[in-house]
Amino acid sequence: MSRRIVAGGRPHDWFGSRQPARLFGVLGLALVGGGLVISQFETLLFVWGGTALFVAFLLYFVMTGTTVSSSVATDIYTTMAQNVQQAGTTTDHEYVPDSGGVTLVAGGREFDPMGEQLLRTHDDLATAETVGTQLSVLVDVLVNDLELATRATATTDDERATVTVIGSRIGTTELFDHPVASVIGVGLAHGLGVPVTVETSREDGNLVVGVNFTTSE
């Protein structure tokens, strides 16, 4: 017996929470139409309808494209990390800059780090003059641009930096090349032009990224 499975055709999917512009648009048109029919309430209905259409217009241009929930992103990342670890890769992480970008070296094997793709549009990272400046940019990117965390703080001490992340959008069950740690490692390797070693751990529900590097600063 054949089965036909469809996703995206139901009203819930079409008017889902990730595309509220359509819902407000239909609501606005219905209210305006009601104002044309029910004359005694036309002013009120026109105001409500116009407001709904205006909200729909804003949402249409602000909420462009589709999004992936943090739980789905976590599942994808966790599966990838588990597969890599089953291949025998150790937990030591070194992000090494080269002519083609940054390479992740782990367990004697080389990988393309996740942070390389996440930071591909951030040319300003290569212009930071100090570790502190570089970290301030990276922390801002994590929270406000990539939205990988609710809050992040960074501290530096000689040739070591520590980034504490609160409310990571990506789960921390697996830590191999975790997106947050990868952004920090790749960003610092790019900016400093030297290999950086990254250690990632969980402390009190937060994600803590420790970075060791050598610089002439």
N, C-alpha and C. Protein backbone atom coordinates (compact mmCIF):
# COMPACT_ATOMS: atom_id res chain seq x y z
N MET A 1 0.85 -1.19 0.00
CA MET A 1 0.00 0.00 0.00
C MET A 1 0.89 1.24 0.00
N SER A 2 0.65 2.12 -0.95
CA SER A 2 1.43 3.35 -1.02
C SER A 2 0.86 4.40 -0.08
N ARG A 3 1.71 5.25 0.40
CA ARG A 3 1.30 6.34 1.29
C ARG A 3 1.85 7.64 0.74
N ARG A 4 1.05 8.67 0.87
CA ARG A 4 1.47 10.00 0.42
C ARG A 4 1.64 10.88 1.64
N ILE A 5 2.84 11.30 1.87
CA ILE A 5 3.14 12.12 3.04
C ILE A 5 3.50 13.52 2.56
N VAL A 6 2.77 14.51 3.07
CA VAL A 6 2.95 15.89 2.62
C VAL A 6 3.25 16.77 3.82
N ALA A 7 4.21 17.63 3.67
CA ALA A 7 4.53 18.62 4.71
C ALA A 7 4.47 20.00 4.08
N GLY A 8 3.77 20.91 4.76
CA GLY A 8 3.74 22.29 4.28
C GLY A 8 2.45 22.69 3.62
N GLY A 9 1.50 21.76 3.45
CA GLY A 9 0.26 22.11 2.77
C GLY A 9 -0.88 22.49 3.69
N ARG A 10 -0.76 22.18 4.97
CA ARG A 10 -1.85 22.47 5.90
C ARG A 10 -1.87 23.93 6.29
N PRO A 11 -3.04 24.43 6.71
CA PRO A 11 -3.11 25.84 7.14
C PRO A 11 -2.11 26.16 8.23
N HIS A 12 -1.88 25.21 9.16
CA HIS A 12 -0.93 25.48 10.24
C HIS A 12 0.46 25.72 9.69
N ASP A 13 0.82 24.94 8.65
CA ASP A 13 2.15 25.11 8.07
C ASP A 13 2.23 26.40 7.26
N TRP A 14 1.15 26.72 6.57
CA TRP A 14 1.17 27.90 5.72
C TRP A 14 1.16 29.18 6.54
N PHE A 15 0.41 29.16 7.66
CA PHE A 15 0.35 30.33 8.54
C PHE A 15 1.20 30.13 9.78
N GLY A 16 2.22 29.29 9.71
CA GLY A 16 3.02 28.95 10.88
C GLY A 16 3.66 30.15 11.53
N SER A 17 4.17 29.94 12.75
CA SER A 17 4.74 31.03 13.53
C SER A 17 5.94 31.65 12.85
N ARG A 18 6.57 30.96 11.92
CA ARG A 18 7.75 31.51 11.27
C ARG A 18 7.39 32.36 10.06
N GLN A 19 6.09 32.38 9.66
CA GLN A 19 5.67 33.22 8.56
C GLN A 19 4.40 33.97 8.97
N PRO A 20 4.45 34.77 10.02
CA PRO A 20 3.26 35.47 10.52
C PRO A 20 2.79 36.56 9.58
N ALA A 21 3.61 36.99 8.63
CA ALA A 21 3.19 38.06 7.72
C ALA A 21 1.95 37.65 6.95
N ARG A 22 1.88 36.40 6.55
CA ARG A 22 0.71 35.92 5.80
C ARG A 22 -0.55 35.99 6.65
N LEU A 23 -0.42 35.59 7.91
CA LEU A 23 -1.57 35.62 8.81
C LEU A 23 -2.08 37.04 9.00
N PHE A 24 -1.18 37.98 9.27
CA PHE A 24 -1.59 39.37 9.45
C PHE A 24 -2.14 39.95 8.15
N GLY A 25 -1.60 39.53 7.01
CA GLY A 25 -2.10 40.02 5.73
C GLY A 25 -3.53 39.61 5.48
N VAL A 26 -3.82 38.33 5.71
CA VAL A 26 -5.19 37.83 5.52
C VAL A 26 -6.13 38.48 6.52
N LEU A 27 -5.68 38.63 7.77
CA LEU A 27 -6.50 39.27 8.79
C LEU A 27 -6.81 40.71 8.41
N GLY A 28 -5.80 41.43 7.91
CA GLY A 28 -6.00 42.81 7.50
C GLY A 28 -6.99 42.94 6.37
N LEU A 29 -6.88 42.07 5.37
CA LEU A 29 -7.82 42.11 4.25
C LEU A 29 -9.24 41.78 4.71
N ALA A 30 -9.36 40.83 5.64
CA ALA A 30 -10.68 40.47 6.15
C ALA A 30 -11.32 41.63 6.90
N LEU A 31 -10.53 42.33 7.69
CA LEU A 31 -11.06 43.47 8.45
C LEU A 31 -11.46 44.61 7.53
N VAL A 32 -10.63 44.89 6.53
CA VAL A 32 -10.98 45.94 5.57
C VAL A 32 -12.24 45.56 4.80
N GLY A 33 -12.32 44.29 4.40
CA GLY A 33 -13.53 43.83 3.72
C GLY A 33 -14.76 43.94 4.60
N GLY A 34 -14.58 43.63 5.89
CA GLY A 34 -15.69 43.78 6.82
C GLY A 34 -16.14 45.22 6.96
N GLY A 35 -15.19 46.15 6.90
CA GLY A 35 -15.53 47.56 6.96
C GLY A 35 -16.36 48.02 5.78
N LEU A 36 -16.14 47.41 4.62
CA LEU A 36 -16.92 47.76 3.44
C LEU A 36 -18.35 47.23 3.53
N VAL A 37 -18.50 46.14 4.26
CA VAL A 37 -19.82 45.51 4.36
C VAL A 37 -20.62 46.06 5.54
N ILE A 38 -19.96 46.21 6.68
CA ILE A 38 -20.65 46.66 7.90
C ILE A 38 -20.34 48.15 8.08
N SER A 39 -21.20 48.98 7.58
CA SER A 39 -20.94 50.42 7.56
C SER A 39 -20.87 51.04 8.95
N GLN A 40 -21.63 50.51 9.90
CA GLN A 40 -21.65 51.12 11.23
C GLN A 40 -20.33 50.94 11.98
N PHE A 41 -19.53 49.99 11.55
CA PHE A 41 -18.23 49.77 12.19
C PHE A 41 -17.07 49.99 11.22
N GLU A 42 -17.36 50.68 10.11
CA GLU A 42 -16.33 50.77 9.07
C GLU A 42 -15.06 51.47 9.55
N THR A 43 -15.21 52.54 10.35
CA THR A 43 -14.02 53.26 10.81
C THR A 43 -13.11 52.37 11.65
N LEU A 44 -13.73 51.67 12.62
CA LEU A 44 -12.97 50.79 13.50
C LEU A 44 -12.32 49.64 12.72
N LEU A 45 -13.10 49.05 11.82
CA LEU A 45 -12.58 47.92 11.05
C LEU A 45 -11.47 48.36 10.09
N PHE A 46 -11.63 49.55 9.50
CA PHE A 46 -10.59 50.06 8.61
C PHE A 46 -9.28 50.31 9.37
N VAL A 47 -9.41 50.86 10.58
CA VAL A 47 -8.21 51.11 11.40
C VAL A 47 -7.53 49.80 11.76
N TRP A 48 -8.31 48.84 12.22
CA TRP A 48 -7.73 47.54 12.57
C TRP A 48 -7.12 46.86 11.34
N GLY A 49 -7.86 46.91 10.25
CA GLY A 49 -7.37 46.28 9.02
C GLY A 49 -6.10 46.92 8.52
N GLY A 50 -6.06 48.25 8.55
CA GLY A 50 -4.86 48.95 8.12
C GLY A 50 -3.66 48.64 8.99
N THR A 51 -3.91 48.54 10.31
CA THR A 51 -2.83 48.19 11.23
C THR A 51 -2.29 46.79 10.94
N ALA A 52 -3.20 45.84 10.72
CA ALA A 52 -2.78 44.46 10.44
C ALA A 52 -1.99 44.38 9.14
N LEU A 53 -2.42 45.12 8.12
CA LEU A 53 -1.70 45.12 6.85
C LEU A 53 -0.32 45.76 6.99
N PHE A 54 -0.24 46.80 7.82
CA PHE A 54 1.05 47.45 8.05
C PHE A 54 2.02 46.49 8.75
N VAL A 55 1.50 45.77 9.75
CA VAL A 55 2.33 44.78 10.46
C VAL A 55 2.78 43.69 9.49
N ALA A 56 1.86 43.24 8.63
CA ALA A 56 2.21 42.21 7.64
C ALA A 56 3.31 42.71 6.71
N PHE A 57 3.22 43.97 6.31
CA PHE A 57 4.23 44.56 5.43
C PHE A 57 5.60 44.57 6.10
N LEU A 58 5.63 44.98 7.38
CA LEU A 58 6.90 45.01 8.10
C LEU A 58 7.49 43.62 8.27
N LEU A 59 6.63 42.67 8.68
CA LEU A 59 7.11 41.31 8.92
C LEU A 59 7.62 40.66 7.64
N TYR A 60 6.99 41.00 6.53
CA TYR A 60 7.39 40.39 5.25
C TYR A 60 8.83 40.76 4.90
N PHE A 61 9.20 42.01 5.18
CA PHE A 61 10.54 42.46 4.81
C PHE A 61 11.57 42.21 5.92
N VAL A 62 11.09 42.12 7.18
CA VAL A 62 12.02 41.89 8.28
C VAL A 62 12.35 40.40 8.41
N MET A 63 11.34 39.56 8.35
CA MET A 63 11.53 38.12 8.54
C MET A 63 11.67 37.43 7.19
N THR A 64 12.74 37.73 6.48
CA THR A 64 12.98 37.14 5.17
C THR A 64 13.61 35.77 5.31
N GLY A 65 13.25 34.89 4.41
CA GLY A 65 13.84 33.56 4.41
C GLY A 65 13.27 32.67 5.49
N THR A 66 13.69 31.41 5.48
CA THR A 66 13.25 30.45 6.47
C THR A 66 14.32 30.27 7.53
N THR A 67 13.92 29.75 8.67
CA THR A 67 14.85 29.55 9.77
C THR A 67 14.81 28.10 10.22
N VAL A 68 15.85 27.69 10.89
CA VAL A 68 15.92 26.35 11.46
C VAL A 68 15.94 26.50 12.97
N SER A 69 15.09 25.74 13.66
CA SER A 69 15.02 25.85 15.11
C SER A 69 16.32 25.39 15.74
N SER A 70 16.57 25.87 16.96
CA SER A 70 17.81 25.50 17.65
C SER A 70 17.87 24.01 17.93
N SER A 71 16.71 23.37 18.18
CA SER A 71 16.71 21.94 18.45
C SER A 71 17.11 21.14 17.21
N VAL A 72 16.64 21.58 16.04
CA VAL A 72 17.02 20.89 14.79
C VAL A 72 18.50 21.09 14.52
N ALA A 73 18.97 22.33 14.69
CA ALA A 73 20.39 22.61 14.47
C ALA A 73 21.26 21.79 15.43
N THR A 74 20.79 21.64 16.68
CA THR A 74 21.53 20.85 17.66
C THR A 74 21.61 19.39 17.25
N ASP A 75 20.48 18.85 16.78
CA ASP A 75 20.47 17.45 16.35
C ASP A 75 21.44 17.21 15.18
N ILE A 76 21.45 18.15 14.23
CA ILE A 76 22.35 18.02 13.08
C ILE A 76 23.81 18.05 13.54
N TYR A 77 24.12 19.04 14.39
CA TYR A 77 25.50 19.17 14.86
C TYR A 77 25.91 17.97 15.71
N THR A 78 25.03 17.51 16.62
CA THR A 78 25.36 16.40 17.52
C THR A 78 25.66 15.14 16.73
N THR A 79 24.84 14.87 15.72
CA THR A 79 25.08 13.69 14.88
C THR A 79 26.42 13.77 14.17
N MET A 80 26.73 14.95 13.63
CA MET A 80 28.01 15.14 12.95
C MET A 80 29.18 14.92 13.91
N ALA A 81 29.07 15.50 15.10
CA ALA A 81 30.16 15.39 16.08
C ALA A 81 30.35 13.95 16.54
N GLN A 82 29.25 13.22 16.74
CA GLN A 82 29.35 11.83 17.15
C GLN A 82 30.01 10.97 16.08
N ASN A 83 29.66 11.23 14.83
CA ASN A 83 30.27 10.48 13.73
C ASN A 83 31.77 10.71 13.66
N VAL A 84 32.18 11.96 13.87
CA VAL A 84 33.61 12.27 13.83
C VAL A 84 34.34 11.58 14.97
N GLN A 85 33.74 11.60 16.17
CA GLN A 85 34.39 10.98 17.32
C GLN A 85 34.47 9.46 17.18
N GLN A 86 33.48 8.86 16.53
CA GLN A 86 33.52 7.42 16.32
C GLN A 86 34.65 7.03 15.38
N ALA A 87 35.09 7.99 14.58
CA ALA A 87 36.20 7.72 13.66
C ALA A 87 37.54 7.75 14.39
N GLY A 88 37.51 8.03 15.69
CA GLY A 88 38.73 7.96 16.48
C GLY A 88 39.41 9.28 16.70
N THR A 89 38.74 10.39 16.43
CA THR A 89 39.35 11.70 16.61
C THR A 89 39.37 12.08 18.09
N THR A 90 40.49 12.57 18.57
CA THR A 90 40.59 12.98 19.96
C THR A 90 39.96 14.35 20.16
N THR A 91 39.93 14.79 21.40
CA THR A 91 39.23 16.04 21.73
C THR A 91 40.12 17.27 21.65
N ASP A 92 41.42 17.10 21.35
CA ASP A 92 42.27 18.28 21.26
C ASP A 92 41.98 19.01 19.94
N HIS A 93 41.87 20.33 20.04
CA HIS A 93 41.51 21.15 18.88
C HIS A 93 42.55 22.23 18.67
N GLU A 94 43.09 22.30 17.48
CA GLU A 94 44.01 23.37 17.14
C GLU A 94 43.57 23.98 15.81
N TYR A 95 43.34 25.28 15.84
CA TYR A 95 42.93 26.00 14.63
C TYR A 95 44.16 26.68 14.05
N VAL A 96 44.53 26.24 12.85
CA VAL A 96 45.80 26.66 12.24
C VAL A 96 45.52 27.51 11.00
N PRO A 97 45.99 28.76 11.00
CA PRO A 97 45.80 29.60 9.81
C PRO A 97 46.75 29.20 8.69
N ASP A 98 46.27 29.27 7.47
CA ASP A 98 47.12 29.02 6.31
C ASP A 98 46.67 29.90 5.17
N SER A 99 47.26 29.72 4.02
CA SER A 99 46.95 30.59 2.88
C SER A 99 45.50 30.46 2.42
N GLY A 100 44.89 29.31 2.70
CA GLY A 100 43.51 29.09 2.26
C GLY A 100 42.47 29.39 3.31
N GLY A 101 42.89 29.85 4.48
CA GLY A 101 41.95 30.14 5.56
C GLY A 101 42.45 29.57 6.87
N VAL A 102 41.60 28.79 7.55
CA VAL A 102 41.96 28.16 8.82
C VAL A 102 41.59 26.68 8.75
N THR A 103 42.48 25.83 9.23
CA THR A 103 42.26 24.39 9.25
C THR A 103 42.17 23.91 10.69
N LEU A 104 41.21 23.04 10.97
CA LEU A 104 41.10 22.43 12.29
C LEU A 104 41.91 21.14 12.30
N VAL A 105 42.86 21.05 13.23
CA VAL A 105 43.67 19.85 13.38
C VAL A 105 43.26 19.18 14.69
N ALA A 106 42.79 17.94 14.59
CA ALA A 106 42.34 17.20 15.77
C ALA A 106 42.74 15.74 15.62
N GLY A 107 43.46 15.23 16.61
CA GLY A 107 43.87 13.84 16.56
C GLY A 107 44.76 13.52 15.38
N GLY A 108 45.54 14.49 14.94
CA GLY A 108 46.43 14.26 13.81
C GLY A 108 45.73 14.31 12.46
N ARG A 109 44.45 14.66 12.45
CA ARG A 109 43.69 14.74 11.20
C ARG A 109 43.25 16.18 10.97
N GLU A 110 43.03 16.52 9.72
CA GLU A 110 42.64 17.88 9.36
C GLU A 110 41.18 17.93 8.93
N PHE A 111 40.50 19.01 9.38
CA PHE A 111 39.08 19.20 9.06
C PHE A 111 38.84 20.65 8.65
N ASP A 112 37.75 20.85 7.94
CA ASP A 112 37.29 22.20 7.65
C ASP A 112 36.45 22.66 8.84
N PRO A 113 36.88 23.66 9.59
CA PRO A 113 36.14 24.07 10.79
C PRO A 113 34.83 24.76 10.45
N MET A 114 33.86 24.55 11.31
CA MET A 114 32.55 25.16 11.12
C MET A 114 32.63 26.68 11.16
N GLY A 115 33.51 27.20 12.00
CA GLY A 115 33.62 28.65 12.13
C GLY A 115 34.08 29.34 10.86
N GLU A 116 34.79 28.62 10.00
CA GLU A 116 35.25 29.21 8.74
C GLU A 116 34.07 29.64 7.88
N GLN A 117 33.04 28.82 7.84
CA GLN A 117 31.84 29.16 7.07
C GLN A 117 31.01 30.22 7.78
N LEU A 118 30.90 30.11 9.09
CA LEU A 118 30.08 31.07 9.84
C LEU A 118 30.65 32.48 9.78
N LEU A 119 31.95 32.60 9.64
CA LEU A 119 32.61 33.92 9.63
C LEU A 119 33.02 34.38 8.23
N ARG A 120 32.56 33.71 7.21
CA ARG A 120 33.06 34.00 5.86
C ARG A 120 32.74 35.41 5.38
N THR A 121 31.72 36.06 5.96
CA THR A 121 31.36 37.42 5.52
C THR A 121 31.91 38.50 6.43
N HIS A 122 32.69 38.13 7.44
CA HIS A 122 33.17 39.11 8.41
C HIS A 122 34.62 39.47 8.12
N ASP A 123 34.80 40.37 7.18
CA ASP A 123 36.15 40.80 6.81
C ASP A 123 36.83 41.63 7.89
N ASP A 124 36.02 42.23 8.79
CA ASP A 124 36.60 43.10 9.82
C ASP A 124 37.42 42.33 10.85
N LEU A 125 37.27 41.01 10.89
CA LEU A 125 38.01 40.21 11.87
C LEU A 125 39.51 40.24 11.60
N ALA A 126 39.88 40.41 10.35
CA ALA A 126 41.30 40.39 10.01
C ALA A 126 42.00 41.70 10.30
N THR A 127 41.24 42.74 10.69
CA THR A 127 41.83 44.06 10.90
C THR A 127 42.04 44.39 12.37
N ALA A 128 41.57 43.52 13.28
CA ALA A 128 41.72 43.79 14.71
C ALA A 128 43.19 43.77 15.10
N GLU A 129 43.61 44.77 15.90
CA GLU A 129 45.03 44.93 16.22
C GLU A 129 45.44 44.18 17.49
N THR A 130 44.52 43.92 18.40
CA THR A 130 44.86 43.25 19.65
C THR A 130 43.92 42.09 19.90
N VAL A 131 44.33 41.22 20.83
CA VAL A 131 43.48 40.08 21.20
C VAL A 131 42.17 40.58 21.78
N GLY A 132 42.24 41.61 22.63
CA GLY A 132 41.03 42.15 23.24
C GLY A 132 40.06 42.67 22.21
N THR A 133 40.58 43.39 21.22
CA THR A 133 39.72 43.92 20.16
C THR A 133 39.10 42.78 19.36
N GLN A 134 39.91 41.79 19.06
CA GLN A 134 39.42 40.64 18.29
C GLN A 134 38.32 39.91 19.04
N LEU A 135 38.51 39.71 20.34
CA LEU A 135 37.50 39.02 21.13
C LEU A 135 36.22 39.82 21.25
N SER A 136 36.33 41.14 21.38
CA SER A 136 35.13 41.97 21.48
C SER A 136 34.29 41.86 20.22
N VAL A 137 34.96 41.79 19.07
CA VAL A 137 34.24 41.61 17.80
C VAL A 137 33.60 40.23 17.75
N LEU A 138 34.35 39.20 18.13
CA LEU A 138 33.84 37.84 18.06
C LEU A 138 32.66 37.62 19.00
N VAL A 139 32.74 38.16 20.20
CA VAL A 139 31.64 38.03 21.16
C VAL A 139 30.38 38.71 20.62
N ASP A 140 30.56 39.88 20.03
CA ASP A 140 29.42 40.59 19.44
C ASP A 140 28.82 39.80 18.29
N VAL A 141 29.67 39.20 17.47
CA VAL A 141 29.19 38.39 16.35
C VAL A 141 28.40 37.19 16.85
N LEU A 142 28.90 36.52 17.89
CA LEU A 142 28.23 35.35 18.45
C LEU A 142 26.81 35.67 18.91
N VAL A 143 26.66 36.80 19.61
CA VAL A 143 25.38 37.13 20.23
C VAL A 143 24.45 37.88 19.29
N ASN A 144 24.95 38.91 18.64
CA ASN A 144 24.08 39.81 17.88
C ASN A 144 23.96 39.50 16.40
N ASP A 145 24.96 38.85 15.83
CA ASP A 145 24.91 38.55 14.40
C ASP A 145 24.49 37.10 14.15
N LEU A 146 25.30 36.17 14.59
CA LEU A 146 24.98 34.76 14.41
C LEU A 146 23.89 34.28 15.35
N GLU A 147 23.69 34.99 16.47
CA GLU A 147 22.67 34.64 17.46
C GLU A 147 22.85 33.20 17.96
N LEU A 148 24.09 32.84 18.22
CA LEU A 148 24.39 31.51 18.73
C LEU A 148 24.30 31.45 20.25
N ALA A 149 24.17 32.59 20.91
CA ALA A 149 24.12 32.61 22.37
C ALA A 149 23.32 33.81 22.85
N THR A 150 22.79 33.68 24.07
CA THR A 150 22.07 34.80 24.68
C THR A 150 23.04 35.85 25.19
N ARG A 151 24.14 35.39 25.76
CA ARG A 151 25.14 36.30 26.31
C ARG A 151 26.51 35.65 26.27
N ALA A 152 27.54 36.46 26.10
CA ALA A 152 28.91 35.93 26.09
C ALA A 152 29.86 36.96 26.66
N THR A 153 30.79 36.49 27.48
CA THR A 153 31.81 37.37 28.05
C THR A 153 33.18 36.78 27.78
N ALA A 154 34.17 37.63 27.65
CA ALA A 154 35.52 37.16 27.35
C ALA A 154 36.53 37.85 28.25
N THR A 155 37.53 37.09 28.67
CA THR A 155 38.63 37.63 29.47
C THR A 155 39.94 37.16 28.85
N THR A 156 40.99 37.97 29.01
CA THR A 156 42.30 37.60 28.49
C THR A 156 43.34 37.67 29.60
N ASP A 157 44.33 36.80 29.54
CA ASP A 157 45.39 36.76 30.53
C ASP A 157 46.66 36.26 29.85
N ASP A 158 47.57 37.18 29.55
CA ASP A 158 48.81 36.84 28.85
C ASP A 158 48.48 36.15 27.52
N GLU A 159 48.81 34.86 27.42
CA GLU A 159 48.61 34.14 26.17
C GLU A 159 47.44 33.17 26.26
N ARG A 160 46.43 33.54 27.03
CA ARG A 160 45.24 32.71 27.16
C ARG A 160 44.00 33.59 27.22
N ALA A 161 42.94 33.12 26.62
CA ALA A 161 41.65 33.82 26.67
C ALA A 161 40.57 32.83 27.07
N THR A 162 39.57 33.33 27.77
CA THR A 162 38.44 32.49 28.17
C THR A 162 37.14 33.17 27.78
N VAL A 163 36.30 32.45 27.09
CA VAL A 163 34.99 32.97 26.69
C VAL A 163 33.92 32.13 27.36
N THR A 164 33.06 32.78 28.13
CA THR A 164 31.96 32.10 28.81
C THR A 164 30.66 32.45 28.10
N VAL A 165 29.95 31.43 27.67
CA VAL A 165 28.73 31.62 26.88
C VAL A 165 27.53 31.16 27.69
N ILE A 166 26.55 32.04 27.81
CA ILE A 166 25.31 31.73 28.51
C ILE A 166 24.20 31.60 27.48
N GLY A 167 23.43 30.53 27.60
CA GLY A 167 22.30 30.33 26.69
C GLY A 167 22.72 29.99 25.28
N SER A 168 23.59 29.00 25.14
CA SER A 168 24.01 28.57 23.80
C SER A 168 22.80 28.04 23.04
N ARG A 169 22.61 28.52 21.82
CA ARG A 169 21.49 28.07 21.00
C ARG A 169 21.71 26.65 20.48
N ILE A 170 22.97 26.24 20.42
CA ILE A 170 23.31 24.88 20.00
C ILE A 170 23.67 24.07 21.23
N GLY A 171 23.07 22.89 21.35
CA GLY A 171 23.30 22.06 22.52
C GLY A 171 24.77 21.74 22.74
N THR A 172 25.10 21.40 23.98
CA THR A 172 26.50 21.17 24.35
C THR A 172 26.75 19.73 24.77
N THR A 173 25.89 18.81 24.32
CA THR A 173 26.14 17.40 24.63
C THR A 173 27.43 16.94 23.99
N GLU A 174 27.65 17.35 22.75
CA GLU A 174 28.89 17.07 22.04
C GLU A 174 29.65 18.39 21.87
N LEU A 175 30.97 18.32 21.95
CA LEU A 175 31.76 19.55 21.92
C LEU A 175 32.78 19.60 20.79
N PHE A 176 32.82 18.59 19.92
CA PHE A 176 33.78 18.60 18.83
C PHE A 176 33.47 19.74 17.86
N ASP A 177 34.41 20.64 17.67
CA ASP A 177 34.24 21.79 16.78
C ASP A 177 32.87 22.44 16.99
N HIS A 178 32.51 22.62 18.26
CA HIS A 178 31.22 23.26 18.56
C HIS A 178 31.17 24.62 17.87
N PRO A 179 30.02 24.98 17.27
CA PRO A 179 29.94 26.25 16.52
C PRO A 179 30.47 27.46 17.28
N VAL A 180 30.15 27.56 18.57
CA VAL A 180 30.62 28.69 19.37
C VAL A 180 32.14 28.66 19.48
N ALA A 181 32.69 27.51 19.88
CA ALA A 181 34.14 27.38 20.03
C ALA A 181 34.84 27.54 18.69
N SER A 182 34.22 27.05 17.63
CA SER A 182 34.82 27.14 16.30
C SER A 182 34.91 28.59 15.84
N VAL A 183 33.88 29.38 16.12
CA VAL A 183 33.92 30.80 15.77
C VAL A 183 35.05 31.50 16.51
N ILE A 184 35.20 31.19 17.79
CA ILE A 184 36.28 31.80 18.57
C ILE A 184 37.65 31.36 18.04
N GLY A 185 37.82 30.06 17.83
CA GLY A 185 39.10 29.55 17.36
C GLY A 185 39.48 30.07 15.99
N VAL A 186 38.54 30.03 15.06
CA VAL A 186 38.81 30.50 13.70
C VAL A 186 39.06 32.01 13.70
N GLY A 187 38.23 32.74 14.45
CA GLY A 187 38.38 34.20 14.48
C GLY A 187 39.72 34.64 15.02
N LEU A 188 40.16 34.01 16.11
CA LEU A 188 41.46 34.38 16.69
C LEU A 188 42.62 33.93 15.80
N ALA A 189 42.50 32.75 15.21
CA ALA A 189 43.56 32.29 14.31
C ALA A 189 43.70 33.21 13.11
N HIS A 190 42.57 33.66 12.58
CA HIS A 190 42.59 34.62 11.47
C HIS A 190 43.26 35.92 11.89
N GLY A 191 42.78 36.46 13.01
CA GLY A 191 43.24 37.78 13.43
C GLY A 191 44.68 37.82 13.90
N LEU A 192 45.09 36.78 14.65
CA LEU A 192 46.45 36.76 15.20
C LEU A 192 47.46 36.19 14.23
N GLY A 193 46.98 35.38 13.29
CA GLY A 193 47.90 34.78 12.33
C GLY A 193 48.77 33.69 12.92
N VAL A 194 48.33 33.12 14.05
CA VAL A 194 49.08 32.03 14.70
C VAL A 194 48.10 30.92 15.06
N PRO A 195 48.59 29.67 15.22
CA PRO A 195 47.71 28.59 15.64
C PRO A 195 47.18 28.84 17.06
N VAL A 196 45.94 28.47 17.29
CA VAL A 196 45.35 28.61 18.62
C VAL A 196 44.77 27.25 19.03
N THR A 197 44.98 26.91 20.29
CA THR A 197 44.45 25.66 20.84
C THR A 197 43.20 25.96 21.65
N VAL A 198 42.15 25.21 21.40
CA VAL A 198 40.86 25.47 22.03
C VAL A 198 40.44 24.29 22.89
N GLU A 199 40.02 24.58 24.11
CA GLU A 199 39.48 23.58 25.02
C GLU A 199 38.07 24.02 25.41
N THR A 200 37.11 23.15 25.20
CA THR A 200 35.71 23.48 25.46
C THR A 200 35.17 22.60 26.58
N SER A 201 34.44 23.21 27.51
CA SER A 201 33.88 22.46 28.64
C SER A 201 32.54 23.06 29.04
N ARG A 202 31.83 22.31 29.88
CA ARG A 202 30.55 22.78 30.43
C ARG A 202 30.73 23.04 31.92
N GLU A 203 30.37 24.24 32.34
CA GLU A 203 30.49 24.61 33.75
C GLU A 203 29.23 25.35 34.20
N ASP A 204 28.54 24.77 35.18
CA ASP A 204 27.33 25.38 35.75
C ASP A 204 26.30 25.71 34.67
N GLY A 205 26.17 24.82 33.70
CA GLY A 205 25.19 25.02 32.64
C GLY A 205 25.64 25.95 31.53
N ASN A 206 26.82 26.53 31.67
CA ASN A 206 27.35 27.43 30.64
C ASN A 206 28.42 26.73 29.81
N LEU A 207 28.66 27.25 28.63
CA LEU A 207 29.72 26.74 27.77
C LEU A 207 30.95 27.61 27.95
N VAL A 208 32.06 27.00 28.32
CA VAL A 208 33.30 27.74 28.56
C VAL A 208 34.33 27.33 27.51
N VAL A 209 34.84 28.31 26.81
CA VAL A 209 35.83 28.08 25.75
C VAL A 209 37.16 28.69 26.18
N GLY A 210 38.16 27.83 26.40
CA GLY A 210 39.49 28.30 26.75
C GLY A 210 40.39 28.26 25.54
N VAL A 211 41.12 29.34 25.31
CA VAL A 211 41.97 29.45 24.12
C VAL A 211 43.40 29.76 24.53
N ASN A 212 44.35 28.99 24.03
CA ASN A 212 45.77 29.26 24.24
C ASN A 212 46.40 29.68 22.92
N PHE A 213 47.23 30.70 22.96
CA PHE A 213 47.85 31.19 21.74
C PHE A 213 49.20 31.82 22.08
N THR A 214 49.98 32.06 21.06
CA THR A 214 51.26 32.73 21.21
C THR A 214 51.27 33.94 20.30
N THR A 215 51.54 35.10 20.87
CA THR A 215 51.53 36.32 20.07
C THR A 215 52.61 37.25 20.57
N SER A 216 53.05 38.12 19.70
CA SER A 216 54.09 39.09 20.07
C SER A 216 53.51 40.32 20.72
N GLU A 217 52.18 40.32 20.93
CA GLU A 217 51.52 41.49 21.53
C GLU A 217 52.07 41.81 22.90
